[in-house]
Amino acid sequence: MSGRPARVARVEQALTDARVVFEARQLDKNTATSALAAAALGCDIAQIAKTIVFRVNEQAVVAVLCGDDRVDMAKLGRLTGGKVEKADAAFVNQQCGFEIGGVAPLGFLQPLTVFLENRLHRFEQVWAAAGSAYAVFGIAPGGLQQASSGQFADFAEMAADDGISAV
């Protein structure tokens, strides 16, 4: 971990402390978006576990979902029991200790509520930001849940042609 930014080391330490199997990679290419990350890793965009931070009643709530999915704000609101608003960069950095483009789903500065979209289970391994736009880690969805203390839930918008019916 030497030579890496402190926030990347913090993510890797959280993964190690959780005793999960993961693969850390430092990349030369920017992975700040799901599309960039998928291109850099040579994987499907859906295998990118993108992390989005929301503000709910002045608290940070973290949503982790497949790179090709979008958050259904009404569903997330029902899960959180509050008004869901997209967080700005300053709030994300203050609450999580990460800059947008490198927000990891764990290793926060303080305990945060994390929701993991059920659709992540489509894959044996997903890739998430590791605290920098140039650092990622691969992990099984179950390992991600264990390391993030996240709760699996249904909060993605359903595309009309995805073949999955919404309940």
Foldseek 3Di string as FASTA:
>chain_A
DPPDDPLLVLLVVLLVVLVFDKAKDFAPWFQLALVRVCVRVVHDSQLAFEWFWKAFVNATEIETGGRVWDFQQVQVCVVVVGRIGGDDQVSCCVFAVAGRSQGFLASGPDQHAYEYEPVNQVDQWGKYHSRGSRMIMIHGPVSSCSSNVYHYDHGTDDDPPPPDDDD
